[in-house]
Amino acid sequence: MSGMNGIRATQHLHDHHPDIKILIVSMYVDDEYVCQIFKAGASGYLLKRASSDDFLRAIREVEKGGSVLHPTVAAKLIKDYVRRTRARDNKNSGSILPARESEVLKRIAKGQTNKQIADALGLGKKNHQYSPYQHHAQT
């Protein structure tokens, strides 16, 4: 796919093969790039420095229909999300994140999987996608 960047290539693959599972392997940790790649249709995002075990787990998770996000990228996105949300809330009403969202973010930052978070918070299976960014913890 000459002339296409990763976002365009992902969008093209997703548009023409909607059932395909796309796992991105990149060196970029840029928040905007990662968000755009998921909007384009990626199911997972790993950094090139991930271990071979992480790659195998990510491939299996994406193959099952799950989503994967490298922990380094997840932590960066969470920090940015919290910063922007707090700034917006403080500007608008002075309030902080709702307790439920705060608890989910704390658990993601600790490396818990979606299933562990859902189980701990009593969420049903169809609610595992509570967070806007799916997370796959390193084990």
N, C-alpha and C. Protein backbone atom coordinates (compact mmCIF):
# COMPACT_ATOMS: atom_id res chain seq x y z
N MET A 1 0.84 -1.18 0.00
CA MET A 1 0.00 0.00 0.00
C MET A 1 0.88 1.24 0.00
N SER A 2 1.59 1.38 -1.08
CA SER A 2 2.53 2.50 -1.15
C SER A 2 1.80 3.83 -1.06
N GLY A 3 2.45 4.79 -0.44
CA GLY A 3 1.90 6.12 -0.29
C GLY A 3 0.92 6.27 0.85
N MET A 4 0.67 5.21 1.61
CA MET A 4 -0.27 5.29 2.73
C MET A 4 0.50 5.24 4.04
N ASN A 5 0.06 6.06 4.98
CA ASN A 5 0.61 5.95 6.33
C ASN A 5 -0.17 4.87 7.07
N GLY A 6 0.20 4.60 8.31
CA GLY A 6 -0.45 3.53 9.08
C GLY A 6 -1.93 3.76 9.29
N ILE A 7 -2.32 5.01 9.50
CA ILE A 7 -3.73 5.32 9.72
C ILE A 7 -4.53 5.06 8.45
N ARG A 8 -4.04 5.54 7.33
CA ARG A 8 -4.74 5.33 6.05
C ARG A 8 -4.80 3.85 5.69
N ALA A 9 -3.70 3.15 5.90
CA ALA A 9 -3.66 1.72 5.58
C ALA A 9 -4.66 0.95 6.46
N THR A 10 -4.72 1.30 7.73
CA THR A 10 -5.66 0.66 8.64
C THR A 10 -7.09 0.94 8.21
N GLN A 11 -7.38 2.19 7.88
CA GLN A 11 -8.73 2.56 7.43
C GLN A 11 -9.10 1.81 6.16
N HIS A 12 -8.15 1.73 5.22
CA HIS A 12 -8.39 1.03 3.95
C HIS A 12 -8.69 -0.46 4.21
N LEU A 13 -7.86 -1.10 5.01
CA LEU A 13 -8.08 -2.52 5.32
C LEU A 13 -9.43 -2.72 6.02
N HIS A 14 -9.72 -1.87 6.98
CA HIS A 14 -10.98 -2.00 7.74
C HIS A 14 -12.19 -1.76 6.83
N ASP A 15 -12.10 -0.77 5.94
CA ASP A 15 -13.21 -0.48 5.03
C ASP A 15 -13.48 -1.62 4.05
N HIS A 16 -12.40 -2.23 3.54
CA HIS A 16 -12.55 -3.27 2.53
C HIS A 16 -12.67 -4.67 3.10
N HIS A 17 -12.29 -4.84 4.33
CA HIS A 17 -12.36 -6.15 5.00
C HIS A 17 -12.80 -5.92 6.45
N PRO A 18 -14.06 -5.58 6.67
CA PRO A 18 -14.51 -5.18 8.02
C PRO A 18 -14.34 -6.25 9.09
N ASP A 19 -14.22 -7.50 8.71
CA ASP A 19 -14.07 -8.57 9.70
C ASP A 19 -12.61 -8.83 10.08
N ILE A 20 -11.70 -8.17 9.39
CA ILE A 20 -10.27 -8.39 9.65
C ILE A 20 -9.88 -7.79 11.00
N LYS A 21 -8.98 -8.46 11.68
CA LYS A 21 -8.45 -7.99 12.95
C LYS A 21 -7.09 -7.35 12.67
N ILE A 22 -6.91 -6.12 13.10
CA ILE A 22 -5.69 -5.39 12.80
C ILE A 22 -4.93 -5.10 14.10
N LEU A 23 -3.71 -5.60 14.18
CA LEU A 23 -2.83 -5.35 15.31
C LEU A 23 -1.68 -4.48 14.81
N ILE A 24 -1.59 -3.28 15.32
CA ILE A 24 -0.55 -2.35 14.90
C ILE A 24 0.69 -2.55 15.77
N VAL A 25 1.85 -2.59 15.14
CA VAL A 25 3.13 -2.66 15.83
C VAL A 25 3.89 -1.42 15.39
N SER A 26 4.22 -0.58 16.35
CA SER A 26 4.80 0.71 16.02
C SER A 26 5.79 1.15 17.07
N MET A 27 6.52 2.20 16.75
CA MET A 27 7.42 2.79 17.74
C MET A 27 6.83 4.08 18.30
N TYR A 28 5.70 4.54 17.74
CA TYR A 28 5.09 5.80 18.16
C TYR A 28 4.27 5.65 19.42
N VAL A 29 4.42 6.62 20.33
CA VAL A 29 3.66 6.64 21.57
C VAL A 29 2.75 7.87 21.59
N ASP A 30 2.65 8.55 20.48
CA ASP A 30 1.87 9.78 20.37
C ASP A 30 0.38 9.50 20.57
N ASP A 31 -0.23 10.23 21.52
CA ASP A 31 -1.65 10.03 21.86
C ASP A 31 -2.55 10.15 20.64
N GLU A 32 -2.37 11.21 19.91
CA GLU A 32 -3.25 11.47 18.76
C GLU A 32 -3.14 10.36 17.72
N TYR A 33 -1.93 9.92 17.45
CA TYR A 33 -1.71 8.84 16.47
C TYR A 33 -2.42 7.57 16.92
N VAL A 34 -2.25 7.21 18.18
CA VAL A 34 -2.86 5.99 18.70
C VAL A 34 -4.39 6.09 18.62
N CYS A 35 -4.94 7.23 19.01
CA CYS A 35 -6.40 7.40 18.94
C CYS A 35 -6.89 7.29 17.49
N GLN A 36 -6.18 7.90 16.57
CA GLN A 36 -6.57 7.85 15.16
C GLN A 36 -6.49 6.43 14.61
N ILE A 37 -5.49 5.66 15.02
CA ILE A 37 -5.33 4.29 14.53
C ILE A 37 -6.50 3.42 15.00
N PHE A 38 -6.97 3.64 16.25
CA PHE A 38 -8.13 2.88 16.74
C PHE A 38 -9.41 3.35 16.04
N LYS A 39 -9.54 4.64 15.80
CA LYS A 39 -10.71 5.14 15.07
C LYS A 39 -10.74 4.57 13.65
N ALA A 40 -9.57 4.32 13.08
CA ALA A 40 -9.48 3.77 11.73
C ALA A 40 -9.85 2.29 11.67
N GLY A 41 -9.86 1.62 12.82
CA GLY A 41 -10.30 0.23 12.83
C GLY A 41 -9.33 -0.78 13.43
N ALA A 42 -8.24 -0.32 14.01
CA ALA A 42 -7.30 -1.26 14.63
C ALA A 42 -7.92 -1.90 15.86
N SER A 43 -7.51 -3.13 16.12
CA SER A 43 -7.98 -3.85 17.30
C SER A 43 -6.93 -3.85 18.40
N GLY A 44 -5.70 -3.54 18.04
CA GLY A 44 -4.64 -3.55 19.03
C GLY A 44 -3.48 -2.68 18.62
N TYR A 45 -2.67 -2.32 19.62
CA TYR A 45 -1.53 -1.45 19.39
C TYR A 45 -0.41 -1.84 20.34
N LEU A 46 0.69 -2.31 19.78
CA LEU A 46 1.87 -2.68 20.57
C LEU A 46 3.06 -1.85 20.12
N LEU A 47 3.95 -1.62 21.04
CA LEU A 47 5.21 -0.97 20.68
C LEU A 47 6.19 -2.04 20.21
N LYS A 48 7.08 -1.65 19.32
CA LYS A 48 8.05 -2.60 18.77
C LYS A 48 8.92 -3.22 19.85
N ARG A 49 9.08 -2.54 20.95
CA ARG A 49 9.92 -3.05 22.03
C ARG A 49 9.22 -4.10 22.90
N ALA A 50 7.98 -4.44 22.59
CA ALA A 50 7.25 -5.44 23.37
C ALA A 50 7.96 -6.78 23.28
N SER A 51 7.80 -7.57 24.31
CA SER A 51 8.44 -8.89 24.35
C SER A 51 7.71 -9.85 23.41
N SER A 52 8.38 -10.94 23.09
CA SER A 52 7.75 -11.94 22.22
C SER A 52 6.50 -12.52 22.88
N ASP A 53 6.53 -12.66 24.21
CA ASP A 53 5.34 -13.13 24.93
C ASP A 53 4.18 -12.15 24.79
N ASP A 54 4.49 -10.85 24.86
CA ASP A 54 3.46 -9.84 24.68
C ASP A 54 2.85 -9.92 23.29
N PHE A 55 3.69 -10.15 22.28
CA PHE A 55 3.19 -10.27 20.92
C PHE A 55 2.25 -11.46 20.79
N LEU A 56 2.63 -12.59 21.35
CA LEU A 56 1.78 -13.78 21.28
C LEU A 56 0.45 -13.56 21.99
N ARG A 57 0.50 -12.97 23.20
CA ARG A 57 -0.74 -12.68 23.92
C ARG A 57 -1.62 -11.70 23.13
N ALA A 58 -0.99 -10.70 22.54
CA ALA A 58 -1.75 -9.70 21.78
C ALA A 58 -2.42 -10.33 20.56
N ILE A 59 -1.71 -11.16 19.85
CA ILE A 59 -2.26 -11.83 18.67
C ILE A 59 -3.45 -12.70 19.08
N ARG A 60 -3.30 -13.44 20.16
CA ARG A 60 -4.39 -14.30 20.63
C ARG A 60 -5.61 -13.49 21.07
N GLU A 61 -5.36 -12.39 21.77
CA GLU A 61 -6.46 -11.55 22.25
C GLU A 61 -7.22 -10.91 21.09
N VAL A 62 -6.49 -10.39 20.13
CA VAL A 62 -7.12 -9.75 18.98
C VAL A 62 -7.86 -10.80 18.15
N GLU A 63 -7.26 -11.97 17.99
CA GLU A 63 -7.90 -13.06 17.25
C GLU A 63 -9.25 -13.44 17.87
N LYS A 64 -9.34 -13.39 19.21
CA LYS A 64 -10.58 -13.72 19.92
C LYS A 64 -11.61 -12.59 19.85
N GLY A 65 -11.22 -11.47 19.26
CA GLY A 65 -12.15 -10.35 19.17
C GLY A 65 -11.91 -9.28 20.22
N GLY A 66 -10.88 -9.45 21.03
CA GLY A 66 -10.55 -8.47 22.05
C GLY A 66 -9.70 -7.33 21.50
N SER A 67 -9.32 -6.47 22.38
CA SER A 67 -8.48 -5.34 22.02
C SER A 67 -7.26 -5.31 22.92
N VAL A 68 -6.16 -4.78 22.39
CA VAL A 68 -4.91 -4.75 23.12
C VAL A 68 -4.29 -3.36 22.99
N LEU A 69 -3.73 -2.90 24.09
CA LEU A 69 -3.02 -1.63 24.09
C LEU A 69 -1.78 -1.81 24.95
N HIS A 70 -0.61 -1.53 24.37
CA HIS A 70 0.65 -1.67 25.10
C HIS A 70 0.57 -0.86 26.39
N PRO A 71 0.98 -1.43 27.52
CA PRO A 71 0.86 -0.74 28.81
C PRO A 71 1.49 0.66 28.84
N THR A 72 2.61 0.86 28.18
CA THR A 72 3.24 2.18 28.14
C THR A 72 2.33 3.20 27.48
N VAL A 73 1.71 2.79 26.38
CA VAL A 73 0.80 3.67 25.65
C VAL A 73 -0.47 3.89 26.47
N ALA A 74 -0.97 2.82 27.09
CA ALA A 74 -2.18 2.94 27.91
C ALA A 74 -1.96 3.93 29.05
N ALA A 75 -0.83 3.85 29.72
CA ALA A 75 -0.54 4.76 30.83
C ALA A 75 -0.48 6.20 30.34
N LYS A 76 0.13 6.42 29.19
CA LYS A 76 0.22 7.77 28.63
C LYS A 76 -1.16 8.30 28.26
N LEU A 77 -1.97 7.47 27.63
CA LEU A 77 -3.32 7.90 27.26
C LEU A 77 -4.18 8.19 28.49
N ILE A 78 -4.04 7.36 29.50
CA ILE A 78 -4.82 7.57 30.73
C ILE A 78 -4.43 8.89 31.39
N LYS A 79 -3.13 9.13 31.51
CA LYS A 79 -2.67 10.38 32.12
C LYS A 79 -3.20 11.58 31.34
N ASP A 80 -3.12 11.50 30.02
CA ASP A 80 -3.60 12.61 29.20
C ASP A 80 -5.11 12.77 29.35
N TYR A 81 -5.84 11.67 29.34
CA TYR A 81 -7.29 11.70 29.49
C TYR A 81 -7.69 12.34 30.83
N VAL A 82 -7.04 11.90 31.89
CA VAL A 82 -7.35 12.43 33.22
C VAL A 82 -7.02 13.92 33.28
N ARG A 83 -5.87 14.30 32.73
CA ARG A 83 -5.47 15.71 32.73
C ARG A 83 -6.49 16.57 32.00
N ARG A 84 -6.89 16.12 30.80
CA ARG A 84 -7.85 16.89 30.01
C ARG A 84 -9.22 16.92 30.67
N THR A 85 -9.64 15.80 31.23
CA THR A 85 -10.95 15.73 31.88
C THR A 85 -10.98 16.63 33.11
N ARG A 86 -9.94 16.58 33.90
CA ARG A 86 -9.88 17.44 35.09
C ARG A 86 -9.87 18.91 34.69
N ALA A 87 -9.09 19.23 33.67
CA ALA A 87 -9.03 20.63 33.23
C ALA A 87 -10.40 21.09 32.75
N ARG A 88 -11.08 20.25 31.99
CA ARG A 88 -12.41 20.59 31.49
C ARG A 88 -13.41 20.71 32.64
N ASP A 89 -13.36 19.74 33.56
CA ASP A 89 -14.28 19.76 34.70
C ASP A 89 -14.01 20.97 35.60
N ASN A 90 -12.76 21.26 35.85
CA ASN A 90 -12.41 22.41 36.68
C ASN A 90 -12.85 23.71 36.02
N LYS A 91 -12.71 23.76 34.72
CA LYS A 91 -13.12 24.96 33.99
C LYS A 91 -14.64 25.12 34.00
N ASN A 92 -15.35 24.00 33.84
CA ASN A 92 -16.80 24.05 33.74
C ASN A 92 -17.52 24.07 35.09
N SER A 93 -17.08 23.22 36.01
CA SER A 93 -17.86 23.11 37.24
C SER A 93 -17.03 22.88 38.49
N GLY A 94 -15.75 22.70 38.32
CA GLY A 94 -14.91 22.44 39.48
C GLY A 94 -15.01 21.01 39.98
N SER A 95 -15.77 20.13 39.31
CA SER A 95 -15.91 18.75 39.77
C SER A 95 -14.76 17.89 39.26
N ILE A 96 -14.61 16.70 39.85
CA ILE A 96 -13.59 15.74 39.42
C ILE A 96 -14.27 14.57 38.74
N LEU A 97 -13.47 13.61 38.27
CA LEU A 97 -14.04 12.42 37.62
C LEU A 97 -15.02 11.72 38.54
N PRO A 98 -16.08 11.18 37.98
CA PRO A 98 -16.98 10.37 38.79
C PRO A 98 -16.20 9.20 39.41
N ALA A 99 -16.64 8.76 40.56
CA ALA A 99 -15.93 7.71 41.29
C ALA A 99 -15.72 6.45 40.46
N ARG A 100 -16.74 6.06 39.68
CA ARG A 100 -16.65 4.84 38.89
C ARG A 100 -15.55 4.95 37.83
N GLU A 101 -15.50 6.07 37.11
CA GLU A 101 -14.47 6.28 36.10
C GLU A 101 -13.09 6.32 36.73
N SER A 102 -12.98 6.98 37.86
CA SER A 102 -11.72 7.07 38.57
C SER A 102 -11.23 5.68 38.98
N GLU A 103 -12.12 4.84 39.47
CA GLU A 103 -11.77 3.49 39.88
C GLU A 103 -11.30 2.67 38.68
N VAL A 104 -11.98 2.79 37.55
CA VAL A 104 -11.57 2.05 36.34
C VAL A 104 -10.18 2.49 35.91
N LEU A 105 -9.93 3.79 35.88
CA LEU A 105 -8.62 4.30 35.47
C LEU A 105 -7.52 3.83 36.41
N LYS A 106 -7.78 3.84 37.70
CA LYS A 106 -6.79 3.37 38.67
C LYS A 106 -6.44 1.90 38.41
N ARG A 107 -7.46 1.10 38.14
CA ARG A 107 -7.23 -0.33 37.92
C ARG A 107 -6.48 -0.57 36.61
N ILE A 108 -6.76 0.20 35.57
CA ILE A 108 -6.01 0.08 34.32
C ILE A 108 -4.56 0.45 34.56
N ALA A 109 -4.33 1.54 35.28
CA ALA A 109 -2.96 1.98 35.57
C ALA A 109 -2.19 0.92 36.35
N LYS A 110 -2.89 0.11 37.15
CA LYS A 110 -2.24 -0.97 37.91
C LYS A 110 -1.98 -2.20 37.04
N GLY A 111 -2.45 -2.17 35.79
CA GLY A 111 -2.20 -3.27 34.88
C GLY A 111 -3.25 -4.35 34.86
N GLN A 112 -4.43 -4.08 35.42
CA GLN A 112 -5.48 -5.09 35.42
C GLN A 112 -6.10 -5.19 34.03
N THR A 113 -6.54 -6.39 33.69
CA THR A 113 -7.20 -6.62 32.41
C THR A 113 -8.65 -6.15 32.49
N ASN A 114 -9.30 -6.05 31.33
CA ASN A 114 -10.71 -5.66 31.30
C ASN A 114 -11.55 -6.62 32.13
N LYS A 115 -11.27 -7.91 32.02
CA LYS A 115 -12.04 -8.91 32.76
C LYS A 115 -11.85 -8.73 34.26
N GLN A 116 -10.61 -8.51 34.71
CA GLN A 116 -10.36 -8.31 36.13
C GLN A 116 -11.10 -7.07 36.65
N ILE A 117 -11.08 -6.02 35.86
CA ILE A 117 -11.77 -4.78 36.25
C ILE A 117 -13.28 -5.02 36.31
N ALA A 118 -13.80 -5.66 35.28
CA ALA A 118 -15.24 -5.92 35.23
C ALA A 118 -15.66 -6.80 36.41
N ASP A 119 -14.88 -7.83 36.70
CA ASP A 119 -15.20 -8.71 37.82
C ASP A 119 -15.16 -7.95 39.14
N ALA A 120 -14.15 -7.13 39.33
CA ALA A 120 -14.00 -6.37 40.59
C ALA A 120 -15.12 -5.35 40.78
N LEU A 121 -15.60 -4.79 39.66
CA LEU A 121 -16.64 -3.76 39.75
C LEU A 121 -18.04 -4.30 39.51
N GLY A 122 -18.14 -5.62 39.31
CA GLY A 122 -19.44 -6.25 39.14
C GLY A 122 -20.12 -5.90 37.82
N LEU A 123 -19.32 -5.71 36.78
CA LEU A 123 -19.88 -5.40 35.46
C LEU A 123 -20.10 -6.69 34.70
N GLY A 124 -21.17 -6.76 33.92
CA GLY A 124 -21.46 -7.93 33.10
C GLY A 124 -20.51 -8.01 31.92
N LYS A 125 -20.48 -9.16 31.28
CA LYS A 125 -19.57 -9.39 30.17
C LYS A 125 -19.74 -8.36 29.07
N LYS A 126 -20.98 -8.00 28.73
CA LYS A 126 -21.18 -7.06 27.63
C LYS A 126 -20.75 -5.65 28.01
N ASN A 127 -20.48 -5.40 29.28
CA ASN A 127 -20.03 -4.08 29.72
C ASN A 127 -18.52 -4.01 29.90
N HIS A 128 -17.77 -5.03 29.47
CA HIS A 128 -16.32 -5.02 29.62
C HIS A 128 -15.68 -3.85 28.89
N GLN A 129 -16.36 -3.24 27.95
CA GLN A 129 -15.76 -2.16 27.19
C GLN A 129 -16.10 -0.81 27.83
N TYR A 130 -16.14 -0.77 29.15
CA TYR A 130 -16.46 0.45 29.89
C TYR A 130 -15.49 1.58 29.54
N SER A 131 -14.20 1.24 29.44
CA SER A 131 -13.19 2.24 29.12
C SER A 131 -13.16 2.52 27.64
N PRO A 132 -12.88 3.78 27.23
CA PRO A 132 -12.80 4.08 25.80
C PRO A 132 -11.59 3.40 25.15
N TYR A 133 -10.63 2.99 25.92
CA TYR A 133 -9.44 2.33 25.39
C TYR A 133 -9.33 0.95 26.01
N GLN A 134 -9.42 -0.06 25.20
CA GLN A 134 -9.26 -1.40 25.71
C GLN A 134 -7.84 -1.57 26.16
N HIS A 135 -7.63 -2.35 27.18
CA HIS A 135 -6.32 -2.48 27.77
C HIS A 135 -5.99 -3.95 27.95
N HIS A 136 -4.75 -4.29 27.68
CA HIS A 136 -4.26 -5.65 27.89
C HIS A 136 -3.06 -5.53 28.80
N ALA A 137 -3.17 -6.07 29.98
CA ALA A 137 -2.09 -5.95 30.96
C ALA A 137 -0.98 -6.94 30.67
N GLN A 138 0.24 -6.54 30.98
CA GLN A 138 1.36 -7.46 30.91
C GLN A 138 1.29 -8.37 32.13
N THR A 139 1.55 -9.64 31.93
CA THR A 139 1.55 -10.56 33.06
C THR A 139 2.87 -11.24 33.16
